[in-house]
Protein backbone atom coordinates (compact mmCIF):
# COMPACT_ATOMS: atom_id res chain seq x y z
CA MET A 1 94.65 118.01 153.24
CA ALA A 2 92.24 115.27 152.23
CA GLY A 3 90.56 115.85 148.88
CA SER A 4 92.99 118.57 147.75
CA GLY A 5 94.38 118.46 144.21
CA PRO A 6 98.03 118.26 143.22
CA GLY A 7 100.21 121.09 144.47
CA PRO A 8 101.69 123.75 142.19
CA GLU A 9 105.11 122.08 142.11
CA LEU A 10 103.63 118.77 140.93
CA HIS A 11 101.52 120.62 138.36
CA ARG A 12 104.62 122.43 137.09
CA SER A 13 106.57 119.20 136.93
CA ARG A 14 103.85 117.59 134.80
CA LEU A 15 103.79 120.51 132.35
CA LEU A 16 107.57 120.54 132.01
CA SER A 17 107.55 116.84 131.19
CA ASP A 18 104.80 117.43 128.63
CA PRO A 19 105.97 120.27 126.31
CA ALA A 20 103.09 119.68 123.90
CA GLY A 21 100.59 119.96 126.76
CA LEU A 22 102.26 123.14 127.98
CA LYS A 23 102.10 124.62 124.49
CA ALA A 24 98.39 123.78 124.13
CA ALA A 25 97.68 125.36 127.52
CA LEU A 26 99.72 128.42 126.53
CA ILE A 27 97.73 128.94 123.34
CA GLU A 28 94.48 128.58 125.26
CA ALA A 29 95.69 131.08 127.85
CA ALA A 30 96.69 133.51 125.07
CA ARG A 31 93.24 133.37 123.52
CA ALA A 32 91.63 133.87 126.91
CA ARG A 33 93.59 137.12 127.17
CA GLY A 34 92.35 138.44 123.86
CA PHE A 35 94.99 137.26 121.41
CA ASP A 36 93.60 135.76 118.23
CA VAL A 37 96.57 133.65 117.18
CA ALA A 38 99.79 132.35 118.72
CA GLY A 39 102.82 130.49 117.43
CA ILE A 40 106.29 129.52 118.59
CA ALA A 41 109.62 129.90 116.80
CA ARG A 42 113.18 129.01 117.61
CA PRO A 43 115.45 132.05 118.03
CA ASP A 44 117.37 131.03 114.91
CA ALA A 45 114.27 130.37 112.79
CA ALA A 46 114.64 133.49 110.60
CA PRO A 47 118.29 133.33 109.50
CA LEU A 48 117.97 135.76 106.57
CA THR A 49 116.71 138.60 108.74
CA LYS A 50 120.14 140.04 109.52
CA GLN A 51 121.26 140.03 105.89
CA ARG A 52 118.06 141.69 104.67
CA LEU A 53 118.24 144.33 107.38
CA GLN A 54 121.84 145.12 106.48
CA GLN A 55 120.88 145.57 102.83
CA PHE A 56 117.94 147.80 103.78
CA LEU A 57 120.21 150.03 105.87
CA ALA A 58 123.05 150.06 103.33
CA GLU A 59 120.65 151.38 100.69
CA GLY A 60 119.55 154.15 103.04
CA ALA A 61 115.96 152.93 102.62
CA HIS A 62 115.26 153.60 106.31
CA GLY A 63 115.39 157.38 105.76
CA ASN A 64 116.00 159.28 108.98
CA MET A 65 114.98 156.41 111.26
CA ILE A 66 118.45 156.45 112.78
CA TRP A 67 117.29 154.21 115.61
CA MET A 68 117.23 151.34 113.13
CA GLU A 69 120.95 151.81 112.57
CA THR A 70 121.84 152.14 116.23
CA THR A 71 119.94 148.98 117.16
CA ALA A 72 120.88 146.93 114.06
CA GLY A 73 123.35 144.79 115.98
CA ARG A 74 120.56 143.52 118.21
CA ARG A 75 117.87 143.18 115.55
CA GLY A 76 119.21 140.44 113.33
CA ASP A 77 118.83 137.58 115.80
CA PRO A 78 116.83 137.38 119.07
CA ARG A 79 119.90 135.90 120.77
CA ASP A 80 121.80 139.12 120.07
CA LEU A 81 119.18 140.92 122.14
CA TRP A 82 118.96 138.26 124.87
CA PRO A 83 121.44 135.33 124.69
CA GLU A 84 119.40 133.21 127.11
CA VAL A 85 116.29 133.01 124.91
CA ARG A 86 115.35 129.49 123.83
CA SER A 87 111.86 130.04 122.41
CA VAL A 88 110.04 133.02 120.92
CA ILE A 89 106.27 133.11 121.45
CA MET A 90 104.64 135.29 118.81
CA LEU A 91 101.13 136.62 119.46
CA GLY A 92 98.72 138.27 117.06
CA LEU A 93 95.75 140.47 117.92
CA ASN A 94 93.24 141.15 115.17
CA TYR A 95 92.30 144.79 114.52
CA GLY A 96 90.23 144.25 111.40
CA PRO A 97 88.23 147.40 110.56
CA ASP A 98 84.45 147.72 110.35
CA HIS A 99 84.73 149.78 107.15
CA ASP A 100 86.56 149.96 103.83
CA PRO A 101 89.81 151.84 104.58
CA LEU A 102 90.05 153.03 100.96
CA ALA A 103 86.63 154.72 100.82
CA ILE A 104 87.83 157.87 102.62
CA LEU A 105 90.28 158.59 99.78
CA GLN A 106 87.37 159.75 97.64
CA HIS A 107 86.44 162.45 100.17
CA ARG A 108 89.39 164.75 99.77
CA GLU A 109 88.12 167.45 102.12
CA HIS A 110 88.51 164.91 104.94
CA GLY A 111 91.67 163.35 106.32
CA ALA A 112 92.46 159.65 105.94
CA ILE A 113 93.95 158.05 109.06
CA SER A 114 95.41 154.55 109.08
CA VAL A 115 93.17 151.90 110.63
CA TYR A 116 95.70 150.98 113.31
CA ALA A 117 95.77 154.54 114.69
CA LYS A 118 92.04 155.24 114.90
CA GLY A 119 91.52 153.55 118.26
CA GLU A 120 93.53 153.54 121.47
CA ASP A 121 97.30 153.13 121.22
CA TYR A 122 97.86 149.42 120.62
CA HIS A 123 101.11 149.44 122.61
CA GLU A 124 99.14 150.26 125.75
CA ILE A 125 96.60 147.53 125.03
CA ILE A 126 98.91 144.68 124.02
CA LYS A 127 101.72 145.06 126.54
CA PRO A 128 99.57 144.39 129.65
CA LYS A 129 98.17 141.30 127.91
CA LEU A 130 101.70 140.10 127.14
CA LYS A 131 102.82 140.66 130.72
CA ASP A 132 99.79 138.81 132.07
CA LEU A 133 100.43 135.86 129.77
CA ALA A 134 104.13 135.87 130.69
CA ARG A 135 103.26 135.75 134.39
CA TRP A 136 100.94 132.82 133.68
CA LEU A 137 103.74 130.99 131.87
CA ILE A 138 106.18 131.49 134.74
CA ALA A 139 103.60 130.27 137.25
CA GLN A 140 102.93 127.17 135.16
CA ALA A 141 106.42 126.21 134.04
CA GLY A 142 109.04 128.53 135.55
CA GLY A 143 111.83 129.93 133.43
CA ASP A 144 112.49 133.56 132.66
CA VAL A 145 110.75 135.84 130.16
CA LYS A 146 110.94 139.19 128.38
CA VAL A 147 108.01 140.82 126.58
CA PHE A 148 108.14 143.11 123.55
CA VAL A 149 105.63 145.03 121.47
CA ASP A 150 107.07 147.04 118.59
CA THR A 151 109.28 149.41 120.59
CA ALA A 152 112.30 147.11 121.12
CA ALA A 153 114.94 145.78 118.71
CA VAL A 154 112.81 142.81 117.66
CA MET A 155 111.99 141.93 114.05
CA GLU A 156 108.43 140.83 114.70
CA LYS A 157 107.33 140.10 111.14
CA PRO A 158 110.04 137.55 110.22
CA LEU A 159 109.60 135.87 113.61
CA ALA A 160 105.81 135.75 113.19
CA ALA A 161 106.29 134.13 109.79
CA ALA A 162 108.69 131.61 111.31
CA ALA A 163 106.10 130.89 114.02
CA GLY A 164 103.45 130.10 111.42
CA ILE A 165 101.24 133.15 112.08
CA GLY A 166 101.48 134.42 108.52
CA TRP A 167 103.97 135.31 105.81
CA GLN A 168 105.59 138.55 104.71
CA GLY A 169 103.88 139.62 101.52
CA LYS A 170 105.41 141.47 98.61
CA HIS A 171 104.72 144.71 100.52
CA THR A 172 106.88 143.33 103.41
CA ASN A 173 103.94 143.35 105.82
CA LEU A 174 102.55 140.23 107.47
CA VAL A 175 99.60 138.51 105.80
CA SER A 176 97.46 135.89 107.54
CA ARG A 177 95.21 133.36 105.86
CA ASP A 178 92.71 133.85 108.68
CA PHE A 179 92.98 137.58 109.41
CA GLY A 180 94.32 139.11 106.22
CA SER A 181 96.40 142.24 106.80
CA TRP A 182 95.10 143.19 110.23
CA LEU A 183 97.25 141.73 113.00
CA PHE A 184 99.10 143.58 115.73
CA LEU A 185 102.11 141.56 116.87
CA GLY A 186 103.69 141.02 120.26
CA ALA A 187 106.48 138.72 121.42
CA ILE A 188 107.43 136.84 124.56
CA PHE A 189 111.01 135.60 124.76
CA THR A 190 111.46 132.71 127.18
CA THR A 191 114.25 130.47 128.44
CA LEU A 192 111.88 127.50 128.19
CA GLU A 193 112.22 124.99 125.36
CA LEU A 194 108.81 124.91 123.68
CA PRO A 195 107.82 122.89 120.58
CA PRO A 196 108.17 125.23 117.57
CA ASP A 197 105.61 125.65 114.82
CA GLY A 198 106.44 125.32 111.16
CA ALA A 199 106.96 128.48 109.16
CA GLU A 200 104.07 129.68 107.04
CA ILE A 201 104.71 129.50 103.29
CA ASP A 202 104.30 132.43 100.92
CA HIS A 203 100.80 132.49 99.40
CA CYS A 204 101.19 135.66 97.30
CA GLY A 205 101.64 133.79 94.04
CA THR A 206 101.64 136.05 90.99
CA CYS A 207 99.51 138.74 92.67
CA SER A 208 101.04 142.23 92.70
CA ALA A 209 98.04 144.24 93.91
CA CYS A 210 99.90 145.72 96.88
CA LEU A 211 102.77 146.89 94.69
CA ASP A 212 100.55 148.29 91.96
CA ILE A 213 98.35 150.40 94.25
CA CYS A 214 101.17 152.22 96.07
CA PRO A 215 100.69 155.94 95.26
CA THR A 216 104.40 156.79 95.63
CA ALA A 217 105.99 153.65 94.12
CA ALA A 218 107.65 152.82 97.44
CA PHE A 219 108.46 149.24 96.41
CA PRO A 220 111.56 149.06 94.17
CA ALA A 221 110.94 145.32 93.84
CA PRO A 222 108.67 142.68 95.38
CA TYR A 223 109.50 142.11 99.06
CA ARG A 224 111.52 145.34 99.24
CA LEU A 225 110.43 148.68 100.68
CA ASP A 226 112.02 152.10 100.35
CA ALA A 227 110.67 153.88 103.42
CA ARG A 228 111.74 157.24 102.03
CA ARG A 229 108.86 157.01 99.55
CA CYS A 230 106.36 155.33 101.88
CA ILE A 231 103.44 157.52 102.96
CA SER A 232 103.35 155.89 106.38
CA TYR A 233 106.97 156.86 106.93
CA LEU A 234 106.53 160.35 105.48
CA THR A 235 103.47 161.22 107.58
CA ILE A 236 104.55 159.57 110.84
CA GLU A 237 108.31 159.11 111.14
CA HIS A 238 109.70 161.85 108.89
CA LYS A 239 110.32 164.98 110.94
CA GLY A 240 111.08 167.57 108.28
CA PRO A 241 109.25 168.93 105.25
CA ILE A 242 107.84 166.24 102.99
CA PRO A 243 109.67 166.22 99.62
CA ARG A 244 107.81 168.41 97.14
CA GLU A 245 107.65 165.81 94.40
CA LEU A 246 105.84 163.39 96.73
CA ARG A 247 103.29 165.82 98.17
CA PRO A 248 100.71 165.57 95.36
CA LEU A 249 100.87 161.76 95.59
CA ILE A 250 99.90 161.71 99.26
CA GLY A 251 96.34 162.80 98.57
CA ASN A 252 94.37 163.18 101.80
CA ARG A 253 96.35 160.63 103.81
CA ILE A 254 97.28 162.50 106.99
CA TYR A 255 98.54 159.69 109.21
CA GLY A 256 99.79 156.48 107.68
CA CYS A 257 98.53 154.66 104.61
CA ASP A 258 96.51 151.45 104.30
CA ASP A 259 96.47 151.06 100.53
CA CYS A 260 98.82 148.09 100.23
CA LEU A 261 97.17 146.38 103.22
CA ALA A 262 93.55 147.00 102.24
CA VAL A 263 93.91 145.84 98.64
CA CYS A 264 95.28 142.39 99.57
CA PRO A 265 92.95 139.60 98.31
CA TRP A 266 93.53 137.63 101.51
CA ASN A 267 91.38 140.18 103.31
CA LYS A 268 88.35 138.25 102.05
CA PHE A 269 88.94 136.06 105.12
CA ALA A 270 89.45 139.01 107.47
CA GLN A 271 87.01 139.72 110.25
CA GLN A 272 86.29 142.68 112.47
CA GLY A 273 88.50 142.93 115.54
CA ARG A 274 86.95 142.04 118.89
CA GLU A 275 89.04 144.34 121.12
CA ALA A 276 86.68 147.25 121.81
CA LYS A 277 89.49 149.67 122.69
CA LEU A 278 90.91 149.32 119.18
CA ALA A 279 87.65 150.35 117.53
CA ALA A 280 87.85 153.61 115.60
CA ARG A 281 87.11 156.76 117.57
CA GLU A 282 84.60 159.08 115.95
CA ALA A 283 87.17 161.91 115.86
CA ALA A 284 89.53 159.76 113.81
CA ARG A 285 87.08 158.17 111.38
CA SER A 286 86.72 160.99 108.86
CA PRO A 287 87.95 164.27 110.33
CA ALA A 288 87.29 167.42 108.30
CA LEU A 289 90.51 169.12 107.22
CA ALA A 290 88.95 172.50 108.02
CA ASP A 291 88.63 171.46 111.67
CA LEU A 292 92.11 169.90 111.88
CA LEU A 293 93.84 173.01 110.55
CA GLN A 294 92.54 174.99 113.52
CA LEU A 295 94.01 172.68 116.18
CA ASP A 296 96.44 174.15 118.67
CA ASP A 297 98.69 171.87 120.70
CA ALA A 298 96.37 171.54 123.71
CA THR A 299 93.33 170.73 121.57
CA PHE A 300 95.31 168.26 119.49
CA ARG A 301 96.48 166.43 122.61
CA LYS A 302 92.99 166.34 124.06
CA MET A 303 91.38 165.12 120.84
CA PHE A 304 93.85 162.31 120.30
CA ALA A 305 94.74 161.39 123.89
CA LYS A 306 95.71 157.72 124.34
CA THR A 307 96.05 157.18 120.58
CA ALA A 308 99.09 156.54 118.41
CA LEU A 309 98.31 159.81 116.62
CA LYS A 310 99.51 161.78 119.60
CA ARG A 311 103.01 160.36 119.17
CA SER A 312 103.71 162.39 116.03
CA GLY A 313 103.03 165.67 117.77
CA ARG A 314 100.76 168.49 116.68
CA ASP A 315 103.18 170.18 114.26
CA ARG A 316 103.81 167.12 112.09
CA PHE A 317 100.11 166.31 112.12
CA ILE A 318 99.17 169.82 110.92
CA ARG A 319 101.92 169.59 108.28
CA ASN A 320 100.18 166.47 106.97
CA ALA A 321 96.75 168.10 107.09
CA LEU A 322 98.09 171.05 105.08
CA ILE A 323 99.48 168.73 102.40
CA ALA A 324 96.04 167.10 102.23
CA ALA A 325 94.39 170.53 102.01
CA GLY A 326 96.67 171.46 99.13
CA ASN A 327 95.65 168.28 97.35
CA SER A 328 91.94 168.67 98.06
CA GLY A 329 91.05 171.19 95.38
CA ASP A 330 88.68 172.71 97.94
CA ALA A 331 89.03 176.50 97.72
CA ALA A 332 87.11 176.85 100.99
CA LEU A 333 90.19 175.56 102.81
CA ALA A 334 92.32 178.50 101.64
CA THR A 335 91.34 180.68 104.61
CA HIS A 336 92.36 178.05 107.16
CA THR A 337 95.56 177.44 105.22
CA GLU A 338 96.40 181.14 105.14
CA ARG A 339 96.04 181.32 108.92
CA CYS A 340 98.79 178.68 109.21
CA LEU A 341 101.27 180.98 107.42
CA THR A 342 101.89 182.67 110.78
CA ASP A 343 102.00 179.50 112.88
CA ALA A 344 104.75 179.29 115.50
CA SER A 345 106.15 176.14 113.87
CA PRO A 346 108.36 176.56 110.78
CA LEU A 347 107.30 173.07 109.70
CA VAL A 348 103.67 174.20 109.64
CA ARG A 349 104.43 177.53 107.98
CA GLY A 350 106.37 175.84 105.18
CA ALA A 351 103.60 173.35 104.48
CA ALA A 352 101.07 176.19 104.51
CA VAL A 353 102.99 178.04 101.79
CA TRP A 354 102.86 175.01 99.53
CA ALA A 355 99.21 174.24 100.30
CA LEU A 356 97.98 177.79 99.65
CA GLY A 357 99.98 177.82 96.44
CA GLN A 358 97.99 174.79 95.30
CA LEU A 359 94.63 176.19 96.39
CA ASP A 360 94.96 179.84 95.43
CA PRO A 361 98.27 180.91 93.81
CA ALA A 362 97.12 184.52 93.36
CA ARG A 363 96.25 184.80 97.03
CA LEU A 364 99.68 183.46 97.98
CA ALA A 365 101.41 185.90 95.65
CA ALA A 366 99.52 188.81 97.18
CA LEU A 367 100.66 187.76 100.65
CA ALA A 368 104.29 187.27 99.67
CA PRO A 369 105.52 190.84 100.44
CA SER A 370 104.35 190.62 104.04
CA HIS A 371 106.32 187.41 104.51
CA ALA A 372 109.50 188.55 102.79
CA GLY A 373 111.32 188.67 106.10
CA GLU A 374 110.74 184.97 106.89
CA SER A 375 113.54 184.00 109.28
CA ASP A 376 113.51 180.24 108.82
CA PRO A 377 115.54 179.24 105.73
CA THR A 378 113.38 176.20 105.01
CA VAL A 379 110.21 178.28 104.97
CA ALA A 380 111.91 180.98 102.88
CA GLU A 381 112.79 178.23 100.41
CA GLU A 382 109.13 177.25 100.20
CA TRP A 383 108.19 180.82 99.32
CA ALA A 384 110.86 180.90 96.64
CA ALA A 385 109.76 177.55 95.21
CA ALA A 386 106.18 178.81 95.07
CA GLY A 387 107.34 181.76 92.96
CA ALA A 388 105.66 184.16 95.33
């Protein structure tokens, strides 16, 4: 037809013969879909990943995250997950907060929730964007793709560092010169050969702020994490009772911990995220422990629908809230804590024993005879440890 532009096949041919042009168009398309930064790495660009993962697992530092063991063979190298991959496109989406994440720690009658979990579940926000961008790439240049956001056997942080998005700080998390600590990561694996970016260098220098602030000393050395002592692991991934010696150190953190992220000096360049769905919900900003301790399963699910918080389940969440109550020093929480002694969940009952013992030992001792027949051995152990 007269006056029509080049057809899609000619357009595709031009892009394939101009990898740099395709990459520039890809980055523009990523930003148009809400991503704040994009970079490309070769599949073999993070060769030390497998060795470091093996050491982490050998030390048992992954705790009861058995899925890390079962998927270890596919985690060390993207080609182990998908042999056909030729390029890894790493995408970052800024979720910078509109508040100081550490301020809530001074209000011990309220629960502190990690910034990433206060808005809608980021998996549900990022994956559609990744799929849309992947479809765009196929339409422009062909090839095959696979998209990943956190739930697959992909080591996003080393790949993001290799793609120039940031570097892994001494706390093992990704740090960006432009966005500080606050980037969600997603990945697109493709069979296309795209020009890679250079790896970002480590800008931590002599700073040890992230290591020094950790309440539970979860970093045995710079660049090494022992998840078994990490509050994020303990309050989210750990399914059983939280070790007694760590409970007082958790403070009022009831879902995750932002201390090592928030204290990073590179956050001076951070900016508030622009994705409205990731903005903190009012219910998650500074929830009162007294209100949380009264949540049944249905109310919990309704309050935190479409958030990452819902993934832990009500019982683990109430366990965390009880630990926070025990640490609060607020005697007014004793009544709500006592009510949890008869909860249907042994996990909740056990945490309630400890919490009431911190808030009002005499009250716990007076209640002990009526709970002498506790059937769950873990809860019975809590009563014995409390001396009640």
